């Protein structure tokens, strides 16, 4: 299971409304790259694929492909707002190390 914090859920709902895609969800995925070996990806998803696992957390639907789910079990999508800007982050209990910027990880 993957969770969405209440702060992230609010921001995702806001973005879906702005994009005119109410009822859509968020695709969360892992791909090779970054300085630690893997990096996270997030994008608006309207329908999902046949092999996707679909989760709902705090009113947000999440779509995760079969490969990514093995790296993301127990993870949480959060939104942080700092002085230098805001953005989505992934809190991943499976990551054994992350890079300095926090956008890539290794397992």
C-alpha atoms as a PDB file:
ATOM      1  CA  UNK A   1       0.000   0.000   0.000  1.00  0.00           C
ATOM      2  CA  UNK A   2       1.085   3.562  -0.705  1.00  0.00           C
ATOM      3  CA  UNK A   3      -0.298   6.468   1.285  1.00  0.00           C
ATOM      4  CA  UNK A   4      -0.841  10.134   0.544  1.00  0.00           C
ATOM      5  CA  UNK A   5      -0.472  12.690   3.339  1.00  0.00           C
ATOM      6  CA  UNK A   6      -3.382  15.054   3.911  1.00  0.00           C
ATOM      7  CA  UNK A   7      -1.217  17.955   2.721  1.00  0.00           C
ATOM      8  CA  UNK A   8      -0.326  16.149  -0.519  1.00  0.00           C
ATOM      9  CA  UNK A   9      -3.939  15.032  -1.043  1.00  0.00           C
ATOM     10  CA  UNK A  10      -5.105  18.629  -0.817  1.00  0.00           C
ATOM     11  CA  UNK A  11      -2.447  19.774  -3.304  1.00  0.00           C
ATOM     12  CA  UNK A  12      -3.203  16.906  -5.721  1.00  0.00           C
ATOM     13  CA  UNK A  13      -6.935  17.685  -5.634  1.00  0.00           C
ATOM     14  CA  UNK A  14      -6.147  21.329  -6.310  1.00  0.00           C
ATOM     15  CA  UNK A  15      -3.943  20.417  -9.290  1.00  0.00           C
ATOM     16  CA  UNK A  16      -6.560  18.035 -10.734  1.00  0.00           C
ATOM     17  CA  UNK A  17      -9.176  20.786 -10.498  1.00  0.00           C
ATOM     18  CA  UNK A  18      -6.855  23.305 -12.194  1.00  0.00           C
ATOM     19  CA  UNK A  19      -6.149  20.828 -15.009  1.00  0.00           C
ATOM     20  CA  UNK A  20      -9.843  20.011 -15.443  1.00  0.00           C
ATOM     21  CA  UNK A  21      -9.181  16.371 -14.576  1.00  0.00           C
ATOM     22  CA  UNK A  22     -11.335  15.883 -11.508  1.00  0.00           C
ATOM     23  CA  UNK A  23     -11.830  12.138 -11.058  1.00  0.00           C
ATOM     24  CA  UNK A  24      -8.348  11.337 -12.321  1.00  0.00           C
ATOM     25  CA  UNK A  25      -5.522  10.206 -10.060  1.00  0.00           C
ATOM     26  CA  UNK A  26      -1.782  10.216  -9.649  1.00  0.00           C
ATOM     27  CA  UNK A  27       0.649   7.739 -11.200  1.00  0.00           C
ATOM     28  CA  UNK A  28       3.568   7.029  -8.877  1.00  0.00           C
ATOM     29  CA  UNK A  29       6.507   5.211 -10.438  1.00  0.00           C
ATOM     30  CA  UNK A  30      10.176   4.352 -10.125  1.00  0.00           C
ATOM     31  CA  UNK A  31      12.636   4.486 -12.992  1.00  0.00           C
ATOM     32  CA  UNK A  32      16.358   4.009 -13.344  1.00  0.00           C
ATOM     33  CA  UNK A  33      18.467   7.131 -13.053  1.00  0.00           C
ATOM     34  CA  UNK A  34      19.552   9.798 -10.655  1.00  0.00           C
ATOM     35  CA  UNK A  35      22.776   9.763  -8.698  1.00  0.00           C
ATOM     36  CA  UNK A  36      21.667   6.899  -6.412  1.00  0.00           C
ATOM     37  CA  UNK A  37      20.353   4.499  -9.082  1.00  0.00           C
ATOM     38  CA  UNK A  38      16.575   5.009  -9.038  1.00  0.00           C
ATOM     39  CA  UNK A  39      14.362   8.055  -9.167  1.00  0.00           C
ATOM     40  CA  UNK A  40      10.710   8.726  -8.453  1.00  0.00           C
ATOM     41  CA  UNK A  41       8.164   9.960 -10.934  1.00  0.00           C
ATOM     42  CA  UNK A  42       4.701  11.445 -10.489  1.00  0.00           C
ATOM     43  CA  UNK A  43       2.166  12.346 -13.162  1.00  0.00           C
ATOM     44  CA  UNK A  44      -1.564  12.808 -13.563  1.00  0.00           C
ATOM     45  CA  UNK A  45      -3.211   9.564 -14.678  1.00  0.00           C
ATOM     46  CA  UNK A  46      -6.717   9.389 -16.102  1.00  0.00           C
ATOM     47  CA  UNK A  47      -7.366   5.666 -16.320  1.00  0.00           C
ATOM     48  CA  UNK A  48      -4.469   3.394 -15.474  1.00  0.00           C
ATOM     49  CA  UNK A  49      -3.329   0.205 -17.149  1.00  0.00           C
ATOM     50  CA  UNK A  50      -4.588  -3.361 -16.815  1.00  0.00           C
ATOM     51  CA  UNK A  51      -1.618  -4.466 -14.674  1.00  0.00           C
ATOM     52  CA  UNK A  52      -1.642  -1.403 -12.389  1.00  0.00           C
ATOM     53  CA  UNK A  53      -2.401  -1.654  -8.726  1.00  0.00           C
ATOM     54  CA  UNK A  54      -4.818   1.077  -7.675  1.00  0.00           C
ATOM     55  CA  UNK A  55      -4.839   2.522  -4.166  1.00  0.00           C
ATOM     56  CA  UNK A  56      -6.934   5.232  -2.595  1.00  0.00           C
ATOM     57  CA  UNK A  57      -5.589   7.379   0.203  1.00  0.00           C
ATOM     58  CA  UNK A  58      -7.142  10.548   1.620  1.00  0.00           C
ATOM     59  CA  UNK A  59      -9.481  10.739  -1.366  1.00  0.00           C
ATOM     60  CA  UNK A  60      -6.727  10.440  -4.015  1.00  0.00           C
ATOM     61  CA  UNK A  61      -6.425   7.495  -6.404  1.00  0.00           C
ATOM     62  CA  UNK A  62      -2.885   6.228  -6.983  1.00  0.00           C
ATOM     63  CA  UNK A  63      -1.846   4.067  -9.927  1.00  0.00           C
ATOM     64  CA  UNK A  64       1.317   1.970  -9.584  1.00  0.00           C
ATOM     65  CA  UNK A  65       2.795  -0.401 -12.165  1.00  0.00           C
ATOM     66  CA  UNK A  66       3.908  -3.924 -11.109  1.00  0.00           C
ATOM     67  CA  UNK A  67       7.647  -3.149 -11.210  1.00  0.00           C
ATOM     68  CA  UNK A  68       7.403   0.080  -9.210  1.00  0.00           C
ATOM     69  CA  UNK A  69       5.222  -1.414  -6.471  1.00  0.00           C
ATOM     70  CA  UNK A  70       8.066  -3.605  -5.237  1.00  0.00           C
ATOM     71  CA  UNK A  71      10.142  -0.460  -4.551  1.00  0.00           C
ATOM     72  CA  UNK A  72       7.273   1.593  -3.102  1.00  0.00           C
ATOM     73  CA  UNK A  73       5.527  -0.702  -0.586  1.00  0.00           C
ATOM     74  CA  UNK A  74       4.757   1.336   2.521  1.00  0.00           C
ATOM     75  CA  UNK A  75       5.817   4.638   0.939  1.00  0.00           C
ATOM     76  CA  UNK A  76       4.041   7.956   1.448  1.00  0.00           C
ATOM     77  CA  UNK A  77       3.571  10.794  -1.020  1.00  0.00           C
ATOM     78  CA  UNK A  78       3.891  14.098   0.816  1.00  0.00           C
ATOM     79  CA  UNK A  79       3.992  17.769  -0.133  1.00  0.00           C
ATOM     80  CA  UNK A  80       6.449  20.126   1.522  1.00  0.00           C
ATOM     81  CA  UNK A  81       6.448  23.885   1.247  1.00  0.00           C
ATOM     82  CA  UNK A  82       9.704  25.610   2.155  1.00  0.00           C
ATOM     83  CA  UNK A  83      11.204  29.057   1.794  1.00  0.00           C
ATOM     84  CA  UNK A  84      12.887  27.959  -1.444  1.00  0.00           C
ATOM     85  CA  UNK A  85       9.692  26.486  -2.916  1.00  0.00           C
ATOM     86  CA  UNK A  86       7.393  23.536  -2.574  1.00  0.00           C
ATOM     87  CA  UNK A  87       7.089  20.129  -4.087  1.00  0.00           C
ATOM     88  CA  UNK A  88       6.068  16.537  -3.734  1.00  0.00           C
ATOM     89  CA  UNK A  89       8.349  14.116  -1.919  1.00  0.00           C
ATOM     90  CA  UNK A  90       8.279  10.370  -1.395  1.00  0.00           C
ATOM     91  CA  UNK A  91       8.980   8.969   2.053  1.00  0.00           C
ATOM     92  CA  UNK A  92      10.164   5.467   1.213  1.00  0.00           C
ATOM     93  CA  UNK A  93      10.961   2.926   3.961  1.00  0.00           C
ATOM     94  CA  UNK A  94      12.585   0.645   1.354  1.00  0.00           C
ATOM     95  CA  UNK A  95      15.323   3.119   0.393  1.00  0.00           C
ATOM     96  CA  UNK A  96      18.652   2.327   2.032  1.00  0.00           C
ATOM     97  CA  UNK A  97      20.233   5.570   0.842  1.00  0.00           C
ATOM     98  CA  UNK A  98      19.218   8.732  -0.961  1.00  0.00           C
ATOM     99  CA  UNK A  99      21.067  11.472  -2.777  1.00  0.00           C
ATOM    100  CA  UNK A 100      21.566  14.932  -1.309  1.00  0.00           C
ATOM    101  CA  UNK A 101      18.613  16.425  -3.150  1.00  0.00           C
ATOM    102  CA  UNK A 102      16.303  13.548  -2.155  1.00  0.00           C
ATOM    103  CA  UNK A 103      15.047  12.821  -5.674  1.00  0.00           C
ATOM    104  CA  UNK A 104      16.863   9.533  -6.150  1.00  0.00           C
ATOM    105  CA  UNK A 105      17.488   6.472  -3.978  1.00  0.00           C
ATOM    106  CA  UNK A 106      19.010   3.017  -3.834  1.00  0.00           C
ATOM    107  CA  UNK A 107      17.697  -0.249  -2.386  1.00  0.00           C
END
